[in-house]
């Protein structure tokens, strides 16, 4: 645990989030799931809202994004392009 009682991953995410706010962009990472989550959160979108921007509906909207962020599903190149457009970034920003 970190000094203030936070778990290590919560502390690390807090640092990354502070960096993103300060620099108006997420800190680069090699992990697609982490990048996707960071970009989505920097834009104030829920998993479901981002899924809906991709044209997904209902429960599939949020669960699809969750599976991508957790690494359970790897998006196709076409889906990466749509994700990048929805988040207003380049594909390389998603993949690190």
N, C-alpha and C. Protein backbone atom coordinates (compact mmCIF):
# COMPACT_ATOMS: atom_id res chain seq x y z
N UNK A 1 0.84 -1.19 0.00
CA UNK A 1 0.00 0.00 0.00
C UNK A 1 0.88 1.25 0.00
N UNK A 2 0.38 2.28 -0.61
CA UNK A 2 1.07 3.57 -0.62
C UNK A 2 0.92 4.21 0.76
N UNK A 3 1.63 5.27 0.98
CA UNK A 3 1.65 5.93 2.29
C UNK A 3 0.27 6.35 2.77
N UNK A 4 -0.60 6.77 1.91
CA UNK A 4 -1.90 7.28 2.33
C UNK A 4 -2.97 6.19 2.42
N UNK A 5 -2.57 4.91 2.39
CA UNK A 5 -3.51 3.82 2.52
C UNK A 5 -4.11 3.35 1.21
N UNK A 6 -3.74 3.95 0.10
CA UNK A 6 -4.26 3.52 -1.19
C UNK A 6 -3.51 2.28 -1.65
N UNK A 7 -4.15 1.44 -2.42
CA UNK A 7 -3.49 0.29 -3.01
C UNK A 7 -2.51 0.80 -4.06
N UNK A 8 -1.49 0.00 -4.33
CA UNK A 8 -0.44 0.40 -5.26
C UNK A 8 -1.00 0.78 -6.63
N UNK A 9 -1.93 -0.03 -7.19
CA UNK A 9 -2.46 0.29 -8.52
C UNK A 9 -3.33 1.54 -8.50
N UNK A 10 -4.05 1.79 -7.39
CA UNK A 10 -4.84 3.02 -7.27
C UNK A 10 -3.91 4.23 -7.23
N UNK A 11 -2.80 4.09 -6.51
CA UNK A 11 -1.83 5.17 -6.41
C UNK A 11 -1.21 5.46 -7.78
N UNK A 12 -0.81 4.41 -8.49
CA UNK A 12 -0.21 4.58 -9.82
C UNK A 12 -1.21 5.20 -10.78
N UNK A 13 -2.47 4.77 -10.72
CA UNK A 13 -3.47 5.34 -11.60
C UNK A 13 -3.68 6.81 -11.27
N UNK A 14 -3.65 7.17 -9.98
CA UNK A 14 -3.79 8.56 -9.57
C UNK A 14 -2.68 9.44 -10.13
N UNK A 15 -1.47 8.91 -10.11
CA UNK A 15 -0.33 9.64 -10.68
C UNK A 15 -0.53 9.84 -12.18
N UNK A 16 -0.92 8.78 -12.87
CA UNK A 16 -1.14 8.87 -14.32
C UNK A 16 -2.26 9.85 -14.64
N UNK A 17 -3.31 9.83 -13.84
CA UNK A 17 -4.43 10.74 -14.06
C UNK A 17 -4.00 12.18 -13.84
N UNK A 18 -3.20 12.43 -12.79
CA UNK A 18 -2.70 13.78 -12.54
C UNK A 18 -1.81 14.24 -13.69
N UNK A 19 -0.97 13.35 -14.20
CA UNK A 19 -0.11 13.67 -15.33
C UNK A 19 -0.96 14.06 -16.54
N UNK A 20 -2.00 13.26 -16.78
CA UNK A 20 -2.86 13.50 -17.94
C UNK A 20 -3.56 14.85 -17.83
N UNK A 21 -4.03 15.18 -16.65
CA UNK A 21 -4.70 16.47 -16.44
C UNK A 21 -3.71 17.61 -16.66
N UNK A 22 -2.53 17.48 -16.10
CA UNK A 22 -1.52 18.53 -16.24
C UNK A 22 -1.09 18.73 -17.68
N UNK A 23 -0.94 17.64 -18.40
CA UNK A 23 -0.43 17.72 -19.77
C UNK A 23 -1.51 17.63 -20.83
N UNK A 24 -2.77 17.55 -20.40
CA UNK A 24 -3.92 17.50 -21.31
C UNK A 24 -3.90 16.29 -22.24
N UNK A 25 -3.15 15.30 -21.90
CA UNK A 25 -3.08 14.07 -22.69
C UNK A 25 -2.61 12.95 -21.78
N UNK A 26 -2.99 11.72 -22.07
CA UNK A 26 -2.57 10.63 -21.23
C UNK A 26 -1.09 10.31 -21.37
N UNK A 27 -0.50 9.79 -20.32
CA UNK A 27 0.88 9.36 -20.36
C UNK A 27 0.98 8.13 -21.25
N UNK A 28 1.93 8.08 -22.15
CA UNK A 28 2.04 6.93 -23.04
C UNK A 28 2.27 5.63 -22.27
N UNK A 29 1.75 4.56 -22.78
CA UNK A 29 1.90 3.24 -22.18
C UNK A 29 1.90 2.21 -23.29
N UNK A 30 2.54 1.09 -23.05
CA UNK A 30 2.57 0.06 -24.07
C UNK A 30 1.32 -0.81 -24.03
N UNK A 31 0.49 -0.64 -23.05
CA UNK A 31 -0.68 -1.49 -22.90
C UNK A 31 -1.91 -0.84 -23.51
N UNK A 32 -2.47 -1.47 -24.51
CA UNK A 32 -3.65 -0.95 -25.20
C UNK A 32 -4.80 -0.72 -24.23
N UNK A 33 -5.06 -1.68 -23.36
CA UNK A 33 -6.15 -1.55 -22.41
C UNK A 33 -5.99 -0.35 -21.49
N UNK A 34 -4.78 -0.16 -20.98
CA UNK A 34 -4.51 0.99 -20.12
C UNK A 34 -4.66 2.30 -20.89
N UNK A 35 -4.15 2.32 -22.10
CA UNK A 35 -4.27 3.54 -22.91
C UNK A 35 -5.72 3.86 -23.21
N UNK A 36 -6.48 2.84 -23.56
CA UNK A 36 -7.90 3.04 -23.87
C UNK A 36 -8.63 3.59 -22.64
N UNK A 37 -8.39 2.99 -21.50
CA UNK A 37 -9.05 3.44 -20.27
C UNK A 37 -8.66 4.87 -19.93
N UNK A 38 -7.37 5.17 -20.02
CA UNK A 38 -6.88 6.50 -19.68
C UNK A 38 -7.47 7.56 -20.62
N UNK A 39 -7.48 7.26 -21.92
CA UNK A 39 -8.04 8.20 -22.89
C UNK A 39 -9.53 8.41 -22.66
N UNK A 40 -10.23 7.32 -22.40
CA UNK A 40 -11.68 7.41 -22.16
C UNK A 40 -11.96 8.26 -20.93
N UNK A 41 -11.23 8.01 -19.86
CA UNK A 41 -11.45 8.74 -18.61
C UNK A 41 -11.04 10.21 -18.74
N UNK A 42 -9.99 10.49 -19.49
CA UNK A 42 -9.57 11.88 -19.71
C UNK A 42 -10.65 12.68 -20.41
N UNK A 43 -11.47 11.99 -21.18
CA UNK A 43 -12.54 12.66 -21.91
C UNK A 43 -13.87 12.61 -21.15
N UNK A 44 -13.84 12.05 -19.96
CA UNK A 44 -15.03 12.03 -19.12
C UNK A 44 -16.12 11.09 -19.61
N UNK A 45 -15.71 10.04 -20.33
CA UNK A 45 -16.69 9.10 -20.88
C UNK A 45 -16.75 7.83 -20.04
N UNK A 46 -17.94 7.30 -19.87
CA UNK A 46 -18.09 5.99 -19.25
C UNK A 46 -17.81 4.93 -20.32
N UNK A 47 -17.66 3.69 -19.91
CA UNK A 47 -17.47 2.61 -20.88
C UNK A 47 -18.68 2.53 -21.81
N UNK A 48 -19.84 2.68 -21.25
CA UNK A 48 -21.06 2.60 -22.05
C UNK A 48 -21.14 3.76 -23.06
N UNK A 49 -20.79 4.97 -22.63
CA UNK A 49 -20.84 6.12 -23.53
C UNK A 49 -19.88 5.94 -24.70
N UNK A 50 -18.67 5.44 -24.42
CA UNK A 50 -17.73 5.20 -25.51
C UNK A 50 -18.25 4.11 -26.43
N UNK A 51 -18.80 3.06 -25.86
CA UNK A 51 -19.38 2.00 -26.68
C UNK A 51 -20.48 2.52 -27.60
N UNK A 52 -21.30 3.41 -27.07
CA UNK A 52 -22.37 3.99 -27.88
C UNK A 52 -21.80 4.84 -29.01
N UNK A 53 -20.66 5.52 -28.77
CA UNK A 53 -20.01 6.29 -29.84
C UNK A 53 -19.53 5.37 -30.96
N UNK A 54 -19.31 4.09 -30.62
CA UNK A 54 -18.88 3.11 -31.61
C UNK A 54 -20.06 2.46 -32.32
N UNK A 55 -21.27 2.83 -31.89
CA UNK A 55 -22.46 2.26 -32.52
C UNK A 55 -23.00 1.04 -31.80
N UNK A 56 -22.46 0.72 -30.63
CA UNK A 56 -22.96 -0.40 -29.85
C UNK A 56 -24.15 0.06 -29.02
N UNK A 57 -25.04 -0.86 -28.70
CA UNK A 57 -26.23 -0.49 -27.94
C UNK A 57 -26.40 -1.41 -26.73
N UNK A 58 -27.14 -0.89 -25.76
CA UNK A 58 -27.48 -1.67 -24.58
C UNK A 58 -26.28 -2.10 -23.77
N UNK A 59 -26.36 -3.26 -23.18
CA UNK A 59 -25.31 -3.77 -22.32
C UNK A 59 -24.02 -4.02 -23.10
N UNK A 60 -24.13 -4.34 -24.39
CA UNK A 60 -22.95 -4.58 -25.21
C UNK A 60 -22.05 -3.35 -25.28
N UNK A 61 -22.63 -2.17 -25.19
CA UNK A 61 -21.85 -0.94 -25.31
C UNK A 61 -20.77 -0.88 -24.24
N UNK A 62 -21.15 -1.04 -23.00
CA UNK A 62 -20.18 -0.98 -21.90
C UNK A 62 -19.34 -2.22 -21.77
N UNK A 63 -19.93 -3.39 -21.97
CA UNK A 63 -19.18 -4.63 -21.76
C UNK A 63 -18.09 -4.82 -22.82
N UNK A 64 -18.33 -4.36 -24.03
CA UNK A 64 -17.30 -4.47 -25.07
C UNK A 64 -16.09 -3.63 -24.72
N UNK A 65 -16.32 -2.40 -24.27
CA UNK A 65 -15.20 -1.53 -23.87
C UNK A 65 -14.48 -2.13 -22.67
N UNK A 66 -15.24 -2.65 -21.71
CA UNK A 66 -14.63 -3.29 -20.54
C UNK A 66 -13.71 -4.42 -20.96
N UNK A 67 -14.16 -5.26 -21.89
CA UNK A 67 -13.35 -6.39 -22.34
C UNK A 67 -12.08 -5.92 -23.06
N UNK A 68 -12.17 -4.81 -23.79
CA UNK A 68 -10.97 -4.27 -24.44
C UNK A 68 -9.99 -3.72 -23.40
N UNK A 69 -10.52 -2.98 -22.43
CA UNK A 69 -9.66 -2.38 -21.40
C UNK A 69 -9.00 -3.43 -20.52
N UNK A 70 -9.69 -4.53 -20.29
CA UNK A 70 -9.15 -5.59 -19.43
C UNK A 70 -8.26 -6.57 -20.20
N UNK A 71 -8.17 -6.41 -21.51
CA UNK A 71 -7.32 -7.28 -22.31
C UNK A 71 -7.95 -8.60 -22.69
N UNK A 72 -9.24 -8.75 -22.43
CA UNK A 72 -9.93 -9.99 -22.78
C UNK A 72 -10.24 -10.06 -24.27
N UNK A 73 -10.33 -8.91 -24.91
CA UNK A 73 -10.60 -8.83 -26.34
C UNK A 73 -9.60 -7.87 -26.96
N UNK A 74 -9.04 -8.26 -28.08
CA UNK A 74 -8.14 -7.37 -28.83
C UNK A 74 -8.92 -6.83 -30.02
N UNK A 75 -9.07 -5.51 -30.11
CA UNK A 75 -9.85 -4.95 -31.21
C UNK A 75 -9.13 -5.11 -32.55
N UNK A 76 -9.91 -5.23 -33.60
CA UNK A 76 -9.36 -5.31 -34.95
C UNK A 76 -8.80 -3.93 -35.33
N UNK A 77 -8.07 -3.91 -36.43
CA UNK A 77 -7.53 -2.64 -36.94
C UNK A 77 -8.67 -1.68 -37.24
N UNK A 78 -9.73 -2.19 -37.85
CA UNK A 78 -10.88 -1.33 -38.16
C UNK A 78 -11.49 -0.76 -36.89
N UNK A 79 -11.62 -1.58 -35.85
CA UNK A 79 -12.19 -1.11 -34.58
C UNK A 79 -11.25 -0.11 -33.92
N UNK A 80 -9.93 -0.32 -34.03
CA UNK A 80 -8.97 0.65 -33.48
C UNK A 80 -9.14 2.02 -34.14
N UNK A 81 -9.36 2.02 -35.44
CA UNK A 81 -9.56 3.29 -36.15
C UNK A 81 -10.80 4.01 -35.65
N UNK A 82 -11.88 3.24 -35.45
CA UNK A 82 -13.14 3.83 -34.96
C UNK A 82 -12.95 4.34 -33.53
N UNK A 83 -12.26 3.57 -32.70
CA UNK A 83 -11.98 4.00 -31.33
C UNK A 83 -11.17 5.29 -31.32
N UNK A 84 -10.13 5.33 -32.14
CA UNK A 84 -9.28 6.52 -32.21
C UNK A 84 -10.10 7.74 -32.64
N UNK A 85 -10.96 7.56 -33.62
CA UNK A 85 -11.80 8.67 -34.08
C UNK A 85 -12.76 9.12 -32.97
N UNK A 86 -13.35 8.16 -32.27
CA UNK A 86 -14.30 8.50 -31.19
C UNK A 86 -13.61 9.25 -30.06
N UNK A 87 -12.33 8.94 -29.83
CA UNK A 87 -11.58 9.59 -28.75
C UNK A 87 -10.77 10.78 -29.24
N UNK A 88 -10.84 11.05 -30.55
CA UNK A 88 -10.12 12.17 -31.16
C UNK A 88 -8.60 12.06 -30.95
N UNK A 89 -8.09 10.86 -31.21
CA UNK A 89 -6.65 10.61 -31.13
C UNK A 89 -6.22 9.80 -32.34
N UNK A 90 -4.93 9.55 -32.45
CA UNK A 90 -4.41 8.69 -33.51
C UNK A 90 -4.36 7.26 -33.00
N UNK A 91 -4.40 6.30 -33.90
CA UNK A 91 -4.32 4.89 -33.52
C UNK A 91 -3.07 4.63 -32.70
N UNK A 92 -1.96 5.26 -33.07
CA UNK A 92 -0.71 5.03 -32.32
C UNK A 92 -0.83 5.45 -30.86
N UNK A 93 -1.71 6.41 -30.56
CA UNK A 93 -1.93 6.80 -29.17
C UNK A 93 -2.62 5.69 -28.39
N UNK A 94 -3.40 4.88 -29.07
CA UNK A 94 -4.06 3.76 -28.41
C UNK A 94 -3.12 2.59 -28.17
N UNK A 95 -2.28 2.32 -29.15
CA UNK A 95 -1.43 1.13 -29.05
C UNK A 95 -0.08 1.39 -28.40
N UNK A 96 0.22 2.64 -28.13
CA UNK A 96 1.43 2.96 -27.38
C UNK A 96 2.59 3.34 -28.19
